[in-house]
C-alpha atoms as a PDB file:
ATOM      1  CA  MET A   1      12.653 -15.737 -57.575  1.00  0.00           C
ATOM      2  CA  ILE A   2      12.458 -11.943 -57.773  1.00  0.00           C
ATOM      3  CA  LYS A   3      15.571 -10.275 -59.396  1.00  0.00           C
ATOM      4  CA  ASN A   4      14.156  -6.978 -60.563  1.00  0.00           C
ATOM      5  CA  LYS A   5      16.643  -4.760 -58.647  1.00  0.00           C
ATOM      6  CA  GLU A   6      20.506  -5.022 -58.581  1.00  0.00           C
ATOM      7  CA  TYR A   7      22.791  -3.189 -56.196  1.00  0.00           C
ATOM      8  CA  ASP A   8      26.345  -1.928 -56.801  1.00  0.00           C
ATOM      9  CA  THR A   9      28.039  -2.899 -53.548  1.00  0.00           C
ATOM     10  CA  SER A  10      31.650  -2.195 -54.629  1.00  0.00           C
ATOM     11  CA  SER A  11      32.056   1.249 -53.140  1.00  0.00           C
ATOM     12  CA  THR A  12      31.042   3.376 -50.221  1.00  0.00           C
ATOM     13  CA  SER A  13      27.840   4.332 -51.897  1.00  0.00           C
ATOM     14  CA  THR A  14      25.309   2.106 -53.509  1.00  0.00           C
ATOM     15  CA  SER A  15      23.466   2.875 -56.705  1.00  0.00           C
ATOM     16  CA  GLY A  16      20.409   1.310 -58.374  1.00  0.00           C
ATOM     17  CA  VAL A  17      17.910   2.696 -55.906  1.00  0.00           C
ATOM     18  CA  LYS A  18      16.468   6.091 -55.326  1.00  0.00           C
ATOM     19  CA  GLY A  19      19.006   8.294 -53.397  1.00  0.00           C
ATOM     20  CA  THR A  20      22.612   7.604 -52.369  1.00  0.00           C
ATOM     21  CA  PHE A  21      23.605   5.160 -49.672  1.00  0.00           C
ATOM     22  CA  ILE A  22      26.652   6.090 -47.584  1.00  0.00           C
ATOM     23  CA  LYS A  23      28.439   3.355 -45.614  1.00  0.00           C
ATOM     24  CA  VAL A  24      29.216   4.852 -42.188  1.00  0.00           C
ATOM     25  CA  THR A  25      30.949   1.623 -41.378  1.00  0.00           C
ATOM     26  CA  GLU A  26      33.536   2.280 -44.063  1.00  0.00           C
ATOM     27  CA  GLN A  27      34.344   5.865 -43.021  1.00  0.00           C
ATOM     28  CA  SER A  28      37.810   6.531 -41.642  1.00  0.00           C
ATOM     29  CA  SER A  29      38.436   5.791 -37.954  1.00  0.00           C
ATOM     30  CA  LEU A  30      38.204   8.707 -35.607  1.00  0.00           C
ATOM     31  CA  HIS A  31      41.581   7.600 -34.204  1.00  0.00           C
ATOM     32  CA  GLU A  32      44.786   8.273 -36.135  1.00  0.00           C
ATOM     33  CA  ASN A  33      48.228   6.655 -36.167  1.00  0.00           C
ATOM     34  CA  LEU A  34      47.225   3.547 -34.415  1.00  0.00           C
ATOM     35  CA  ASP A  35      50.553   1.909 -35.285  1.00  0.00           C
ATOM     36  CA  LYS A  36      52.382   4.498 -33.340  1.00  0.00           C
ATOM     37  CA  LYS A  37      50.392   4.357 -30.082  1.00  0.00           C
ATOM     38  CA  SER A  38      51.121   2.483 -26.776  1.00  0.00           C
ATOM     39  CA  VAL A  39      49.173  -0.615 -25.804  1.00  0.00           C
ATOM     40  CA  HIS A  40      47.566   1.407 -23.040  1.00  0.00           C
ATOM     41  CA  ASP A  41      46.341   4.122 -25.415  1.00  0.00           C
ATOM     42  CA  LEU A  42      45.073   1.642 -27.922  1.00  0.00           C
ATOM     43  CA  LEU A  43      43.067  -0.280 -25.315  1.00  0.00           C
ATOM     44  CA  SER A  44      41.666   2.906 -23.792  1.00  0.00           C
ATOM     45  CA  GLU A  45      40.660   4.365 -27.149  1.00  0.00           C
ATOM     46  CA  MET A  46      39.087   1.091 -28.372  1.00  0.00           C
ATOM     47  CA  ASN A  47      37.175   0.728 -25.144  1.00  0.00           C
ATOM     48  CA  GLU A  48      36.019   4.336 -25.545  1.00  0.00           C
ATOM     49  CA  GLU A  49      34.565   3.384 -28.959  1.00  0.00           C
ATOM     50  CA  ASP A  50      32.915   0.284 -27.610  1.00  0.00           C
ATOM     51  CA  LEU A  51      30.981   2.292 -25.062  1.00  0.00           C
ATOM     52  CA  LYS A  52      29.008   3.759 -27.948  1.00  0.00           C
ATOM     53  CA  VAL A  53      27.499   0.438 -28.890  1.00  0.00           C
ATOM     54  CA  PRO A  54      24.869  -0.118 -26.141  1.00  0.00           C
ATOM     55  CA  LEU A  55      23.505   3.447 -26.774  1.00  0.00           C
ATOM     56  CA  ALA A  56      23.224   2.716 -30.497  1.00  0.00           C
ATOM     57  CA  VAL A  57      21.370  -0.493 -29.783  1.00  0.00           C
ATOM     58  CA  SER A  58      19.007   1.241 -27.324  1.00  0.00           C
ATOM     59  CA  LYS A  59      17.812   3.545 -30.071  1.00  0.00           C
ATOM     60  CA  ALA A  60      16.628   0.445 -32.058  1.00  0.00           C
ATOM     61  CA  LEU A  61      14.605  -1.074 -29.182  1.00  0.00           C
ATOM     62  CA  PRO A  62      11.198   0.007 -30.613  1.00  0.00           C
ATOM     63  CA  GLN A  63      11.906  -1.903 -33.774  1.00  0.00           C
ATOM     64  CA  ILE A  64      13.261  -4.938 -31.897  1.00  0.00           C
ATOM     65  CA  GLU A  65      10.155  -4.931 -29.742  1.00  0.00           C
ATOM     66  CA  GLU A  66       7.892  -4.944 -32.804  1.00  0.00           C
ATOM     67  CA  LEU A  67       9.838  -7.905 -34.251  1.00  0.00           C
ATOM     68  CA  VAL A  68       9.766  -9.951 -31.082  1.00  0.00           C
ATOM     69  CA  GLU A  69       6.030  -9.413 -30.641  1.00  0.00           C
ATOM     70  CA  LYS A  70       5.443 -10.793 -34.137  1.00  0.00           C
ATOM     71  CA  ILE A  71       7.950 -13.647 -33.797  1.00  0.00           C
ATOM     72  CA  VAL A  72       6.287 -14.941 -30.614  1.00  0.00           C
ATOM     73  CA  VAL A  73       2.927 -15.173 -32.348  1.00  0.00           C
ATOM     74  CA  ARG A  74       4.409 -17.065 -35.271  1.00  0.00           C
ATOM     75  CA  MET A  75       6.482 -19.412 -33.110  1.00  0.00           C
ATOM     76  CA  GLN A  76       3.437 -20.229 -31.140  1.00  0.00           C
ATOM     77  CA  SER A  77       1.929 -21.502 -34.386  1.00  0.00           C
ATOM     78  CA  GLY A  78       4.986 -23.574 -35.206  1.00  0.00           C
ATOM     79  CA  GLY A  79       7.131 -20.921 -36.860  1.00  0.00           C
ATOM     80  CA  ARG A  80      10.925 -20.689 -36.969  1.00  0.00           C
ATOM     81  CA  ILE A  81      13.553 -18.026 -37.061  1.00  0.00           C
ATOM     82  CA  PHE A  82      16.074 -18.025 -39.888  1.00  0.00           C
ATOM     83  CA  TYR A  83      19.201 -15.903 -39.634  1.00  0.00           C
ATOM     84  CA  MET A  84      20.866 -15.041 -42.934  1.00  0.00           C
ATOM     85  CA  GLY A  85      24.356 -13.518 -43.102  1.00  0.00           C
ATOM     86  CA  ALA A  86      27.880 -13.690 -44.553  1.00  0.00           C
ATOM     87  CA  GLY A  87      31.245 -13.444 -42.825  1.00  0.00           C
ATOM     88  CA  THR A  88      31.123 -12.082 -39.303  1.00  0.00           C
ATOM     89  CA  SER A  89      27.440 -11.369 -39.520  1.00  0.00           C
ATOM     90  CA  GLY A  90      26.680 -14.953 -40.679  1.00  0.00           C
ATOM     91  CA  ARG A  91      28.861 -16.432 -37.837  1.00  0.00           C
ATOM     92  CA  LEU A  92      27.017 -14.398 -35.274  1.00  0.00           C
ATOM     93  CA  GLY A  93      23.672 -15.683 -36.538  1.00  0.00           C
ATOM     94  CA  VAL A  94      24.908 -19.249 -36.438  1.00  0.00           C
ATOM     95  CA  LEU A  95      26.313 -18.654 -32.955  1.00  0.00           C
ATOM     96  CA  ASP A  96      23.032 -17.290 -31.527  1.00  0.00           C
ATOM     97  CA  ALA A  97      21.016 -20.098 -33.166  1.00  0.00           C
ATOM     98  CA  SER A  98      23.352 -22.730 -31.818  1.00  0.00           C
ATOM     99  CA  GLU A  99      22.995 -21.495 -28.254  1.00  0.00           C
ATOM    100  CA  ILE A 100      19.164 -21.747 -28.155  1.00  0.00           C
ATOM    101  CA  PRO A 101      18.907 -25.550 -27.667  1.00  0.00           C
ATOM    102  CA  PRO A 102      21.302 -25.824 -24.739  1.00  0.00           C
ATOM    103  CA  THR A 103      20.117 -22.627 -23.025  1.00  0.00           C
ATOM    104  CA  PHE A 104      16.337 -23.009 -23.453  1.00  0.00           C
ATOM    105  CA  GLY A 105      15.868 -26.710 -24.369  1.00  0.00           C
ATOM    106  CA  MET A 106      14.310 -25.859 -27.721  1.00  0.00           C
ATOM    107  CA  PRO A 107      14.680 -28.222 -30.768  1.00  0.00           C
ATOM    108  CA  PRO A 108      17.588 -27.087 -32.964  1.00  0.00           C
ATOM    109  CA  HIS A 109      15.403 -26.626 -36.025  1.00  0.00           C
ATOM    110  CA  LEU A 110      13.425 -23.725 -34.527  1.00  0.00           C
ATOM    111  CA  VAL A 111      16.196 -21.133 -34.741  1.00  0.00           C
ATOM    112  CA  VAL A 112      18.472 -21.670 -37.746  1.00  0.00           C
ATOM    113  CA  GLY A 113      21.541 -19.751 -38.748  1.00  0.00           C
ATOM    114  CA  LEU A 114      22.386 -19.826 -42.432  1.00  0.00           C
ATOM    115  CA  ILE A 115      25.775 -18.455 -43.621  1.00  0.00           C
ATOM    116  CA  ALA A 116      26.838 -17.709 -47.164  1.00  0.00           C
ATOM    117  CA  GLY A 117      29.226 -20.510 -48.259  1.00  0.00           C
ATOM    118  CA  GLY A 118      27.797 -23.078 -45.769  1.00  0.00           C
ATOM    119  CA  ASP A 119      29.376 -24.373 -42.560  1.00  0.00           C
ATOM    120  CA  VAL A 120      32.872 -24.258 -44.092  1.00  0.00           C
ATOM    121  CA  ALA A 121      32.539 -20.497 -43.989  1.00  0.00           C
ATOM    122  CA  LEU A 122      32.372 -20.543 -40.215  1.00  0.00           C
ATOM    123  CA  ARG A 123      36.126 -21.017 -40.145  1.00  0.00           C
ATOM    124  CA  ASN A 124      37.290 -20.148 -43.654  1.00  0.00           C
ATOM    125  CA  PRO A 125      36.235 -17.469 -46.162  1.00  0.00           C
ATOM    126  CA  VAL A 126      34.356 -18.921 -49.161  1.00  0.00           C
ATOM    127  CA  GLU A 127      35.172 -16.805 -52.323  1.00  0.00           C
ATOM    128  CA  ASN A 128      32.239 -14.873 -53.732  1.00  0.00           C
ATOM    129  CA  ALA A 129      29.641 -16.782 -51.641  1.00  0.00           C
ATOM    130  CA  GLU A 130      28.156 -13.600 -50.249  1.00  0.00           C
ATOM    131  CA  ASP A 131      27.769 -12.128 -53.768  1.00  0.00           C
ATOM    132  CA  ASP A 132      25.262 -14.718 -54.905  1.00  0.00           C
ATOM    133  CA  LEU A 133      21.826 -12.961 -54.971  1.00  0.00           C
ATOM    134  CA  ASP A 134      19.957 -16.226 -55.375  1.00  0.00           C
ATOM    135  CA  ARG A 135      21.558 -18.677 -52.976  1.00  0.00           C
ATOM    136  CA  GLY A 136      20.052 -17.283 -49.739  1.00  0.00           C
ATOM    137  CA  TRP A 137      16.502 -17.824 -50.960  1.00  0.00           C
ATOM    138  CA  GLU A 138      17.358 -21.199 -52.396  1.00  0.00           C
ATOM    139  CA  GLU A 139      18.632 -22.307 -48.971  1.00  0.00           C
ATOM    140  CA  LEU A 140      15.426 -21.106 -47.364  1.00  0.00           C
ATOM    141  CA  VAL A 141      13.339 -23.011 -49.841  1.00  0.00           C
ATOM    142  CA  GLU A 142      15.433 -26.091 -49.022  1.00  0.00           C
ATOM    143  CA  HIS A 143      14.362 -25.627 -45.459  1.00  0.00           C
ATOM    144  CA  ASN A 144      10.698 -25.373 -46.532  1.00  0.00           C
ATOM    145  CA  VAL A 145      10.322 -21.800 -45.305  1.00  0.00           C
ATOM    146  CA  ASN A 146       6.704 -20.763 -44.884  1.00  0.00           C
ATOM    147  CA  GLN A 147       4.537 -17.889 -43.657  1.00  0.00           C
ATOM    148  CA  ASN A 148       4.772 -18.884 -40.005  1.00  0.00           C
ATOM    149  CA  ASP A 149       8.493 -18.329 -40.197  1.00  0.00           C
ATOM    150  CA  THR A 150      10.612 -15.195 -39.760  1.00  0.00           C
ATOM    151  CA  VAL A 151      13.671 -14.354 -41.830  1.00  0.00           C
ATOM    152  CA  ILE A 152      16.218 -11.997 -40.256  1.00  0.00           C
ATOM    153  CA  GLY A 153      19.015 -10.642 -42.565  1.00  0.00           C
ATOM    154  CA  ILE A 154      22.186  -9.586 -40.828  1.00  0.00           C
ATOM    155  CA  ALA A 155      24.757  -7.396 -42.530  1.00  0.00           C
ATOM    156  CA  ALA A 156      26.854  -4.715 -40.928  1.00  0.00           C
ATOM    157  CA  SER A 157      27.299  -2.980 -44.298  1.00  0.00           C
ATOM    158  CA  GLY A 158      23.691  -3.589 -45.294  1.00  0.00           C
ATOM    159  CA  THR A 159      24.682  -4.467 -48.820  1.00  0.00           C
ATOM    160  CA  THR A 160      25.311  -8.254 -48.822  1.00  0.00           C
ATOM    161  CA  PRO A 161      23.616  -9.717 -51.997  1.00  0.00           C
ATOM    162  CA  TYR A 162      23.178 -13.201 -50.395  1.00  0.00           C
ATOM    163  CA  VAL A 163      21.009 -11.439 -47.681  1.00  0.00           C
ATOM    164  CA  ILE A 164      19.262  -9.033 -50.017  1.00  0.00           C
ATOM    165  CA  GLY A 165      18.010 -11.775 -52.253  1.00  0.00           C
ATOM    166  CA  ALA A 166      16.784 -13.867 -49.299  1.00  0.00           C
ATOM    167  CA  LEU A 167      14.923 -10.936 -47.759  1.00  0.00           C
ATOM    168  CA  ARG A 168      13.422  -9.741 -51.074  1.00  0.00           C
ATOM    169  CA  ASN A 169      11.995 -13.223 -51.971  1.00  0.00           C
ATOM    170  CA  ALA A 170      10.850 -13.997 -48.416  1.00  0.00           C
ATOM    171  CA  ARG A 171       8.900 -10.787 -48.166  1.00  0.00           C
ATOM    172  CA  ALA A 172       7.351 -11.310 -51.617  1.00  0.00           C
ATOM    173  CA  ASN A 173       6.135 -14.701 -50.401  1.00  0.00           C
ATOM    174  CA  GLY A 174       4.400 -13.249 -47.359  1.00  0.00           C
ATOM    175  CA  ILE A 175       7.029 -14.131 -44.838  1.00  0.00           C
ATOM    176  CA  LEU A 176       7.930 -11.845 -41.936  1.00  0.00           C
ATOM    177  CA  THR A 177      11.343 -10.239 -42.615  1.00  0.00           C
ATOM    178  CA  ALA A 178      13.711  -8.067 -40.614  1.00  0.00           C
ATOM    179  CA  SER A 179      17.125  -6.615 -41.143  1.00  0.00           C
ATOM    180  CA  VAL A 180      20.007  -5.948 -38.722  1.00  0.00           C
ATOM    181  CA  SER A 181      22.549  -3.526 -40.038  1.00  0.00           C
ATOM    182  CA  CYS A 182      24.909  -0.744 -38.897  1.00  0.00           C
ATOM    183  CA  ASN A 183      24.373   1.762 -41.688  1.00  0.00           C
ATOM    184  CA  PRO A 184      21.276   3.915 -42.092  1.00  0.00           C
ATOM    185  CA  ASP A 185      18.765   3.242 -44.867  1.00  0.00           C
ATOM    186  CA  SER A 186      20.773   0.373 -46.280  1.00  0.00           C
ATOM    187  CA  PRO A 187      19.717  -1.906 -49.157  1.00  0.00           C
ATOM    188  CA  ILE A 188      18.862  -4.811 -46.819  1.00  0.00           C
ATOM    189  CA  ALA A 189      16.756  -2.457 -44.711  1.00  0.00           C
ATOM    190  CA  ARG A 190      14.796  -1.520 -47.796  1.00  0.00           C
ATOM    191  CA  GLU A 191      13.967  -5.127 -48.437  1.00  0.00           C
ATOM    192  CA  ALA A 192      12.813  -5.858 -44.827  1.00  0.00           C
ATOM    193  CA  GLU A 193       9.430  -5.290 -43.186  1.00  0.00           C
ATOM    194  CA  ILE A 194      11.146  -4.335 -39.966  1.00  0.00           C
ATOM    195  CA  ARG A 195      14.507  -2.549 -40.117  1.00  0.00           C
ATOM    196  CA  ILE A 196      16.792  -2.649 -37.118  1.00  0.00           C
ATOM    197  CA  GLU A 197      19.681  -0.193 -37.400  1.00  0.00           C
ATOM    198  CA  ALA A 198      22.449   0.174 -34.813  1.00  0.00           C
ATOM    199  CA  ILE A 199      24.552   3.100 -36.129  1.00  0.00           C
ATOM    200  CA  VAL A 200      27.749   2.750 -34.168  1.00  0.00           C
ATOM    201  CA  GLY A 201      29.829   4.962 -36.371  1.00  0.00           C
ATOM    202  CA  PRO A 202      33.257   4.406 -37.951  1.00  0.00           C
ATOM    203  CA  GLU A 203      35.233   1.464 -36.611  1.00  0.00           C
ATOM    204  CA  PHE A 204      38.351   1.790 -34.497  1.00  0.00           C
ATOM    205  CA  VAL A 205      40.218   0.078 -37.316  1.00  0.00           C
ATOM    206  CA  THR A 206      38.768   1.540 -40.439  1.00  0.00           C
ATOM    207  CA  GLY A 207      36.227  -0.786 -42.006  1.00  0.00           C
ATOM    208  CA  SER A 208      36.708  -3.648 -39.488  1.00  0.00           C
ATOM    209  CA  THR A 209      33.043  -4.431 -38.765  1.00  0.00           C
ATOM    210  CA  ARG A 210      34.000  -7.360 -36.552  1.00  0.00           C
ATOM    211  CA  LEU A 211      34.438  -4.712 -33.885  1.00  0.00           C
ATOM    212  CA  LYS A 212      31.632  -2.308 -32.858  1.00  0.00           C
ATOM    213  CA  SER A 213      29.254  -3.434 -35.609  1.00  0.00           C
ATOM    214  CA  GLY A 214      29.792  -7.105 -34.649  1.00  0.00           C
ATOM    215  CA  THR A 215      29.234  -6.266 -30.945  1.00  0.00           C
ATOM    216  CA  ALA A 216      26.019  -4.417 -31.781  1.00  0.00           C
ATOM    217  CA  GLN A 217      24.719  -7.307 -33.877  1.00  0.00           C
ATOM    218  CA  LYS A 218      25.513  -9.791 -31.085  1.00  0.00           C
ATOM    219  CA  LEU A 219      23.618  -7.636 -28.579  1.00  0.00           C
ATOM    220  CA  ILE A 220      20.607  -7.382 -30.876  1.00  0.00           C
ATOM    221  CA  LEU A 221      20.432 -11.104 -31.547  1.00  0.00           C
ATOM    222  CA  ASN A 222      20.692 -11.763 -27.830  1.00  0.00           C
ATOM    223  CA  LEU A 223      17.695  -9.433 -27.303  1.00  0.00           C
ATOM    224  CA  ILE A 224      15.616 -11.009 -30.062  1.00  0.00           C
ATOM    225  CA  THR A 225      15.996 -14.683 -29.091  1.00  0.00           C
ATOM    226  CA  THR A 226      16.243 -14.278 -25.270  1.00  0.00           C
ATOM    227  CA  VAL A 227      13.057 -12.238 -24.943  1.00  0.00           C
ATOM    228  CA  THR A 228      11.279 -14.532 -27.448  1.00  0.00           C
ATOM    229  CA  MET A 229      12.264 -17.523 -25.377  1.00  0.00           C
ATOM    230  CA  ILE A 230      11.043 -15.889 -22.203  1.00  0.00           C
ATOM    231  CA  LYS A 231       7.671 -15.082 -23.763  1.00  0.00           C
ATOM    232  CA  LEU A 232       7.400 -18.691 -25.002  1.00  0.00           C
ATOM    233  CA  GLY A 233       7.703 -19.892 -21.411  1.00  0.00           C
ATOM    234  CA  ARG A 234      11.266 -21.244 -21.534  1.00  0.00           C
ATOM    235  CA  VAL A 235      12.259 -19.227 -18.418  1.00  0.00           C
ATOM    236  CA  LYS A 236      10.704 -19.267 -14.975  1.00  0.00           C
ATOM    237  CA  GLY A 237      11.396 -16.265 -12.818  1.00  0.00           C
ATOM    238  CA  ASN A 238      14.884 -15.545 -13.972  1.00  0.00           C
ATOM    239  CA  LYS A 239      16.036 -19.228 -14.294  1.00  0.00           C
ATOM    240  CA  MET A 240      16.839 -21.305 -17.367  1.00  0.00           C
ATOM    241  CA  VAL A 241      14.576 -24.120 -16.277  1.00  0.00           C
ATOM    242  CA  ASN A 242      14.637 -25.856 -19.682  1.00  0.00           C
ATOM    243  CA  MET A 243      18.421 -25.832 -20.197  1.00  0.00           C
ATOM    244  CA  GLN A 244      20.059 -29.052 -21.399  1.00  0.00           C
ATOM    245  CA  LEU A 245      22.019 -30.968 -18.662  1.00  0.00           C
ATOM    246  CA  SER A 246      25.094 -31.267 -20.870  1.00  0.00           C
ATOM    247  CA  ASN A 247      27.840 -31.080 -18.198  1.00  0.00           C
ATOM    248  CA  ALA A 248      28.377 -31.268 -14.396  1.00  0.00           C
ATOM    249  CA  LYS A 249      28.196 -27.486 -13.987  1.00  0.00           C
ATOM    250  CA  LEU A 250      24.704 -27.379 -15.492  1.00  0.00           C
ATOM    251  CA  VAL A 251      23.550 -30.375 -13.482  1.00  0.00           C
ATOM    252  CA  ASP A 252      24.724 -28.647 -10.279  1.00  0.00           C
ATOM    253  CA  ARG A 253      23.039 -25.410 -11.378  1.00  0.00           C
ATOM    254  CA  GLY A 254      19.787 -27.233 -11.999  1.00  0.00           C
ATOM    255  CA  ALA A 255      19.935 -29.124  -8.716  1.00  0.00           C
ATOM    256  CA  ARG A 256      20.284 -25.723  -6.907  1.00  0.00           C
ATOM    257  CA  MET A 257      17.298 -24.331  -8.820  1.00  0.00           C
ATOM    258  CA  ILE A 258      15.148 -27.249  -7.551  1.00  0.00           C
ATOM    259  CA  ILE A 259      16.383 -26.733  -3.984  1.00  0.00           C
ATOM    260  CA  ASP A 260      15.280 -23.124  -4.207  1.00  0.00           C
ATOM    261  CA  GLU A 261      11.927 -24.104  -5.613  1.00  0.00           C
ATOM    262  CA  LEU A 262      11.068 -27.123  -3.535  1.00  0.00           C
ATOM    263  CA  GLY A 263      13.354 -27.018  -0.501  1.00  0.00           C
ATOM    264  CA  LEU A 264      14.733 -30.515  -1.013  1.00  0.00           C
ATOM    265  CA  SER A 265      18.217 -31.760  -0.128  1.00  0.00           C
ATOM    266  CA  TYR A 266      20.873 -31.510  -2.714  1.00  0.00           C
ATOM    267  CA  GLU A 267      20.891 -35.268  -3.226  1.00  0.00           C
ATOM    268  CA  GLN A 268      17.083 -35.371  -3.681  1.00  0.00           C
ATOM    269  CA  ALA A 269      17.107 -32.420  -6.079  1.00  0.00           C
ATOM    270  CA  LYS A 270      19.946 -33.872  -8.179  1.00  0.00           C
ATOM    271  CA  SER A 271      18.270 -37.306  -8.310  1.00  0.00           C
ATOM    272  CA  ILE A 272      14.894 -36.002  -9.637  1.00  0.00           C
ATOM    273  CA  LEU A 273      16.653 -33.742 -12.052  1.00  0.00           C
ATOM    274  CA  LEU A 274      18.580 -36.553 -13.624  1.00  0.00           C
ATOM    275  CA  ILE A 275      15.402 -38.699 -13.752  1.00  0.00           C
ATOM    276  CA  HIS A 276      13.335 -36.037 -15.532  1.00  0.00           C
ATOM    277  CA  GLY A 277      15.994 -34.287 -17.556  1.00  0.00           C
ATOM    278  CA  SER A 278      15.063 -30.670 -16.859  1.00  0.00           C
ATOM    279  CA  VAL A 279      14.407 -28.433 -13.913  1.00  0.00           C
ATOM    280  CA  LYS A 280      10.896 -27.539 -15.156  1.00  0.00           C
ATOM    281  CA  LYS A 281       9.771 -31.145 -15.638  1.00  0.00           C
ATOM    282  CA  ALA A 282      11.326 -32.243 -12.367  1.00  0.00           C
ATOM    283  CA  VAL A 283       9.559 -29.589 -10.436  1.00  0.00           C
ATOM    284  CA  ASP A 284       6.230 -30.042 -12.207  1.00  0.00           C
ATOM    285  CA  VAL A 285       6.278 -33.846 -11.639  1.00  0.00           C
ATOM    286  CA  PHE A 286       7.322 -33.590  -8.001  1.00  0.00           C
ATOM    287  CA  ARG A 287       4.469 -31.102  -7.271  1.00  0.00           C
ATOM    288  CA  LEU A 288       1.957 -33.274  -9.105  1.00  0.00           C
ATOM    289  CA  GLN A 289       3.010 -36.480  -7.237  1.00  0.00           C
ATOM    290  CA  ASN A 290       3.184 -34.797  -3.847  1.00  0.00           C
ATOM    291  CA  GLY A 291       0.269 -32.339  -4.113  1.00  0.00           C
ATOM    292  CA  VAL A 292       2.530 -29.396  -3.513  1.00  0.00           C
END
């Protein structure tokens, strides 16, 4: 493992690299005296801050596009996506990864969310887990990471050692790397081949990056995996034709997709859907058998 650079992440600036890194996410809120304001004013001002998030994400679309184009090629060759993060960022990565199988019918091992401290950290903080510079890469090695894969480091601050170490070693081993952060020119961005930066500004509650920063990260992860799945053929038209039929609502949705596609009765559509297990397979088999 490569350990030739260390970062001081204890303050609002980070040393050990050329130049000075300032954490915008740690700067004081633009809104004062929150504890003295009415519920109406708090909600209005917080919503005002939230409106800045989509604009910040839109400025990063060129980098997201570059990343998705490269991911698609790799996944077509059997590659996977690994999200790496700690705290809120790690939870968002695990959330996005966990939604890919039910939404797009993909095997769960193709998009993997790894969080510092393991699954217990999804609900409870794990002391010092994010400060381990080696553990992220060790976990990737345990998953047999290879050059068809993509490693995406997520950190609002951009300074999480767990993520830095994973990106540094992945890139050194010829693996595509990207960073998702909410501070400009952060340490994790310097370790990544593709840097995605959504600069949303100071948080409504100073330093609480579960707010605007977390929202920006969620939007970015949605963009990455949704567009990747579309380009991999997991969507037809605008429909989730490969979704898992895990409840009555989704069975009903799937049946109605088949009705729209084939003009069958509801009973017929539901029947072939349950036989074949997905909208896509049901439609493909019906057309093949009936010469449609």
